[in-house]
C-alpha cells in the first residue's frame, strides 16, 4: 500500500515514475515490460520539459498527449508511436 499523499497540483509528472514502477511490479508485469513502460514515461517527461504546456500532473491533458504523439510521428516509426500510446 502506498503512503503517498494525493498529488499536489504542481507536482511534476516525472515524480510519479517510481510509483508507477511499484504499481507495475505489484501487477506482476515482467521486468522487460516495466522497463519499456518507464522508458516511454521518461520520454514523455523529457518532451514535456521542453514544451510550453507544463510538466505537472494536472497539466497533462489528452490534447497534450496527442501533440506528443503527433510530433513522434515526424521522427519515429509508427510502431514506436503505437507502443508509446499503449504505454
N, C-alpha and C. Protein backbone atom coordinates (compact mmCIF):
# COMPACT_ATOMS: atom_id res chain seq x y z
N UNK A 1 0.84 -1.16 0.00
CA UNK A 1 0.00 0.00 0.00
C UNK A 1 0.89 1.23 0.00
N UNK A 2 0.56 2.19 -0.82
CA UNK A 2 1.36 3.40 -0.93
C UNK A 2 1.04 4.35 0.22
N UNK A 3 2.07 5.03 0.68
CA UNK A 3 1.87 6.03 1.72
C UNK A 3 1.85 7.42 1.11
N UNK A 4 1.86 7.49 -0.20
CA UNK A 4 1.89 8.75 -0.92
C UNK A 4 0.59 9.52 -0.72
N UNK A 5 0.71 10.79 -0.50
CA UNK A 5 -0.45 11.67 -0.37
C UNK A 5 -1.08 11.88 -1.75
N UNK A 6 -2.27 12.42 -1.76
CA UNK A 6 -2.89 12.80 -3.03
C UNK A 6 -1.98 13.79 -3.73
N UNK A 7 -1.87 13.71 -5.07
CA UNK A 7 -0.95 14.59 -5.79
C UNK A 7 -1.31 16.06 -5.66
N UNK A 8 -0.29 16.86 -5.51
CA UNK A 8 -0.47 18.31 -5.49
C UNK A 8 -0.58 18.81 -6.92
N UNK A 9 -1.29 19.89 -7.13
CA UNK A 9 -1.48 20.42 -8.48
C UNK A 9 -0.17 20.67 -9.20
N UNK A 10 0.84 21.13 -8.49
CA UNK A 10 2.09 21.49 -9.12
C UNK A 10 3.12 20.38 -9.13
N UNK A 11 2.74 19.16 -8.83
CA UNK A 11 3.71 18.07 -8.75
C UNK A 11 4.06 17.55 -10.14
N UNK A 12 5.36 17.51 -10.47
CA UNK A 12 5.78 17.06 -11.80
C UNK A 12 5.38 15.62 -12.07
N UNK A 13 4.95 15.37 -13.28
CA UNK A 13 4.60 14.02 -13.70
C UNK A 13 5.76 13.06 -13.47
N UNK A 14 6.97 13.53 -13.71
CA UNK A 14 8.17 12.70 -13.55
C UNK A 14 8.27 12.09 -12.15
N UNK A 15 7.76 12.81 -11.15
CA UNK A 15 7.82 12.32 -9.77
C UNK A 15 6.98 11.06 -9.55
N UNK A 16 6.12 10.74 -10.48
CA UNK A 16 5.25 9.57 -10.34
C UNK A 16 5.81 8.31 -10.99
N UNK A 17 6.95 8.42 -11.68
CA UNK A 17 7.50 7.25 -12.36
C UNK A 17 7.89 6.15 -11.39
N UNK A 18 8.45 6.49 -10.25
CA UNK A 18 8.82 5.47 -9.25
C UNK A 18 7.57 4.76 -8.73
N UNK A 19 6.50 5.51 -8.50
CA UNK A 19 5.25 4.90 -8.05
C UNK A 19 4.67 3.98 -9.13
N UNK A 20 4.83 4.40 -10.38
CA UNK A 20 4.32 3.58 -11.49
C UNK A 20 5.09 2.26 -11.53
N UNK A 21 6.41 2.32 -11.29
CA UNK A 21 7.22 1.09 -11.25
C UNK A 21 6.66 0.13 -10.18
N UNK A 22 6.38 0.64 -9.00
CA UNK A 22 5.83 -0.19 -7.92
C UNK A 22 4.48 -0.77 -8.34
N UNK A 23 3.64 0.06 -8.93
CA UNK A 23 2.32 -0.39 -9.39
C UNK A 23 2.44 -1.52 -10.40
N UNK A 24 3.33 -1.35 -11.38
CA UNK A 24 3.50 -2.37 -12.41
C UNK A 24 4.05 -3.66 -11.83
N UNK A 25 4.96 -3.53 -10.88
CA UNK A 25 5.52 -4.72 -10.23
C UNK A 25 4.45 -5.45 -9.43
N UNK A 26 3.62 -4.67 -8.74
CA UNK A 26 2.53 -5.26 -7.95
C UNK A 26 1.54 -6.00 -8.85
N UNK A 27 1.41 -5.55 -10.09
CA UNK A 27 0.52 -6.21 -11.05
C UNK A 27 1.22 -7.38 -11.75
N UNK A 28 2.44 -7.67 -11.29
CA UNK A 28 3.22 -8.81 -11.79
C UNK A 28 3.61 -8.68 -13.26
N UNK A 29 3.88 -7.46 -13.69
CA UNK A 29 4.37 -7.24 -15.05
C UNK A 29 5.82 -7.70 -15.11
N UNK A 30 6.25 -8.14 -16.27
CA UNK A 30 7.63 -8.61 -16.40
C UNK A 30 8.60 -7.44 -16.29
N UNK A 31 9.85 -7.77 -15.96
CA UNK A 31 10.88 -6.74 -15.84
C UNK A 31 11.02 -5.97 -17.16
N UNK A 32 10.99 -6.69 -18.28
CA UNK A 32 11.10 -6.04 -19.58
C UNK A 32 9.94 -5.09 -19.86
N UNK A 33 8.74 -5.51 -19.50
CA UNK A 33 7.56 -4.66 -19.70
C UNK A 33 7.66 -3.40 -18.84
N UNK A 34 8.06 -3.57 -17.60
CA UNK A 34 8.20 -2.42 -16.70
C UNK A 34 9.21 -1.44 -17.26
N UNK A 35 10.36 -1.93 -17.70
CA UNK A 35 11.39 -1.04 -18.24
C UNK A 35 10.91 -0.34 -19.51
N UNK A 36 10.18 -1.07 -20.34
CA UNK A 36 9.64 -0.48 -21.57
C UNK A 36 8.65 0.64 -21.25
N UNK A 37 7.73 0.37 -20.33
CA UNK A 37 6.75 1.39 -19.94
C UNK A 37 7.44 2.62 -19.35
N UNK A 38 8.43 2.39 -18.49
CA UNK A 38 9.11 3.51 -17.86
C UNK A 38 9.96 4.30 -18.85
N UNK A 39 10.50 3.63 -19.84
CA UNK A 39 11.22 4.34 -20.91
C UNK A 39 10.26 5.26 -21.64
N UNK A 40 9.06 4.78 -21.92
CA UNK A 40 8.05 5.61 -22.58
C UNK A 40 7.64 6.78 -21.69
N UNK A 41 7.45 6.52 -20.41
CA UNK A 41 7.08 7.58 -19.47
C UNK A 41 8.17 8.63 -19.35
N UNK A 42 9.42 8.19 -19.30
CA UNK A 42 10.54 9.12 -19.22
C UNK A 42 10.64 9.95 -20.49
N UNK A 43 10.41 9.32 -21.62
CA UNK A 43 10.44 10.04 -22.90
C UNK A 43 9.37 11.15 -22.92
N UNK A 44 8.19 10.82 -22.44
CA UNK A 44 7.13 11.83 -22.37
C UNK A 44 7.54 12.98 -21.45
N UNK A 45 8.09 12.66 -20.30
CA UNK A 45 8.51 13.69 -19.34
C UNK A 45 9.61 14.57 -19.94
N UNK A 46 10.56 13.94 -20.65
CA UNK A 46 11.62 14.71 -21.30
C UNK A 46 11.04 15.67 -22.32
N UNK A 47 10.07 15.20 -23.10
CA UNK A 47 9.43 16.04 -24.10
C UNK A 47 8.67 17.19 -23.42
N UNK A 48 7.95 16.88 -22.36
CA UNK A 48 7.19 17.92 -21.65
C UNK A 48 8.10 19.03 -21.11
N UNK A 49 9.31 18.65 -20.69
CA UNK A 49 10.24 19.64 -20.15
C UNK A 49 10.57 20.74 -21.17
N UNK A 50 10.48 20.42 -22.45
CA UNK A 50 10.79 21.40 -23.48
C UNK A 50 9.58 22.06 -24.11
N UNK A 51 8.42 21.85 -23.53
CA UNK A 51 7.17 22.37 -24.10
C UNK A 51 6.58 23.46 -23.22
N UNK A 52 5.75 24.31 -23.81
CA UNK A 52 5.10 25.36 -23.02
C UNK A 52 3.92 24.86 -22.20
N UNK A 53 3.53 23.60 -22.39
CA UNK A 53 2.36 23.06 -21.71
C UNK A 53 2.53 22.96 -20.21
N UNK A 54 3.72 22.69 -19.76
CA UNK A 54 3.97 22.39 -18.36
C UNK A 54 4.11 20.90 -18.18
N UNK A 55 4.86 20.51 -17.18
CA UNK A 55 5.14 19.09 -16.96
C UNK A 55 4.53 18.58 -15.66
N UNK A 56 3.60 19.33 -15.10
CA UNK A 56 2.95 18.91 -13.86
C UNK A 56 1.81 17.95 -14.15
N UNK A 57 1.51 17.13 -13.18
CA UNK A 57 0.49 16.12 -13.33
C UNK A 57 -0.81 16.67 -13.93
N UNK A 58 -1.26 17.79 -13.42
CA UNK A 58 -2.54 18.33 -13.87
C UNK A 58 -2.44 19.07 -15.19
N UNK A 59 -1.23 19.29 -15.70
CA UNK A 59 -1.05 19.96 -17.00
C UNK A 59 -1.18 18.99 -18.17
N UNK A 60 -1.05 17.71 -17.90
CA UNK A 60 -1.00 16.72 -18.97
C UNK A 60 -2.42 16.27 -19.30
N UNK A 61 -2.95 16.86 -20.36
CA UNK A 61 -4.30 16.55 -20.81
C UNK A 61 -4.23 15.67 -22.04
N UNK A 62 -5.38 15.21 -22.51
CA UNK A 62 -5.41 14.40 -23.73
C UNK A 62 -4.89 15.20 -24.91
N UNK A 63 -5.15 16.48 -24.94
CA UNK A 63 -4.65 17.33 -26.02
C UNK A 63 -3.12 17.39 -26.03
N UNK A 64 -2.52 17.47 -24.87
CA UNK A 64 -1.05 17.48 -24.75
C UNK A 64 -0.49 16.14 -25.20
N UNK A 65 -1.12 15.05 -24.78
CA UNK A 65 -0.65 13.73 -25.19
C UNK A 65 -0.78 13.54 -26.70
N UNK A 66 -1.84 14.06 -27.29
CA UNK A 66 -1.99 13.98 -28.75
C UNK A 66 -0.88 14.76 -29.45
N UNK A 67 -0.52 15.91 -28.93
CA UNK A 67 0.58 16.70 -29.51
C UNK A 67 1.89 15.92 -29.44
N UNK A 68 2.12 15.27 -28.32
CA UNK A 68 3.32 14.45 -28.15
C UNK A 68 3.37 13.34 -29.20
N UNK A 69 2.29 12.61 -29.33
CA UNK A 69 2.25 11.50 -30.28
C UNK A 69 2.34 12.00 -31.72
N UNK A 70 1.71 13.12 -32.03
CA UNK A 70 1.79 13.68 -33.38
C UNK A 70 3.22 14.06 -33.73
N UNK A 71 3.93 14.66 -32.79
CA UNK A 71 5.33 15.01 -33.04
C UNK A 71 6.20 13.77 -33.16
N UNK A 72 5.88 12.73 -32.43
CA UNK A 72 6.63 11.48 -32.55
C UNK A 72 6.54 10.92 -33.96
N UNK A 73 5.36 11.07 -34.60
CA UNK A 73 5.18 10.55 -35.96
C UNK A 73 6.16 11.18 -36.94
N UNK A 74 6.67 12.37 -36.63
CA UNK A 74 7.61 13.05 -37.51
C UNK A 74 9.02 12.48 -37.43
N UNK A 75 9.31 11.68 -36.38
CA UNK A 75 10.70 11.25 -36.21
C UNK A 75 10.90 9.77 -35.94
N UNK A 76 9.84 9.02 -35.68
CA UNK A 76 9.99 7.59 -35.40
C UNK A 76 8.96 6.78 -36.19
N UNK A 77 9.17 5.48 -36.20
CA UNK A 77 8.27 4.57 -36.92
C UNK A 77 6.89 4.52 -36.26
N UNK A 78 5.85 4.26 -37.05
CA UNK A 78 4.50 4.15 -36.49
C UNK A 78 4.39 3.13 -35.36
N UNK A 79 5.14 2.05 -35.44
CA UNK A 79 5.09 1.04 -34.37
C UNK A 79 5.59 1.61 -33.05
N UNK A 80 6.58 2.49 -33.12
CA UNK A 80 7.10 3.12 -31.90
C UNK A 80 6.07 4.05 -31.30
N UNK A 81 5.39 4.80 -32.14
CA UNK A 81 4.32 5.70 -31.66
C UNK A 81 3.22 4.87 -31.01
N UNK A 82 2.86 3.76 -31.63
CA UNK A 82 1.81 2.89 -31.08
C UNK A 82 2.23 2.35 -29.72
N UNK A 83 3.49 1.99 -29.57
CA UNK A 83 4.00 1.49 -28.29
C UNK A 83 3.87 2.56 -27.22
N UNK A 84 4.23 3.79 -27.54
CA UNK A 84 4.13 4.88 -26.57
C UNK A 84 2.66 5.16 -26.24
N UNK A 85 1.79 5.09 -27.21
CA UNK A 85 0.37 5.29 -26.98
C UNK A 85 -0.16 4.25 -26.00
N UNK A 86 0.20 2.99 -26.22
CA UNK A 86 -0.28 1.91 -25.34
C UNK A 86 0.31 2.01 -23.93
N UNK A 87 1.55 2.46 -23.87
CA UNK A 87 2.22 2.54 -22.56
C UNK A 87 1.66 3.67 -21.73
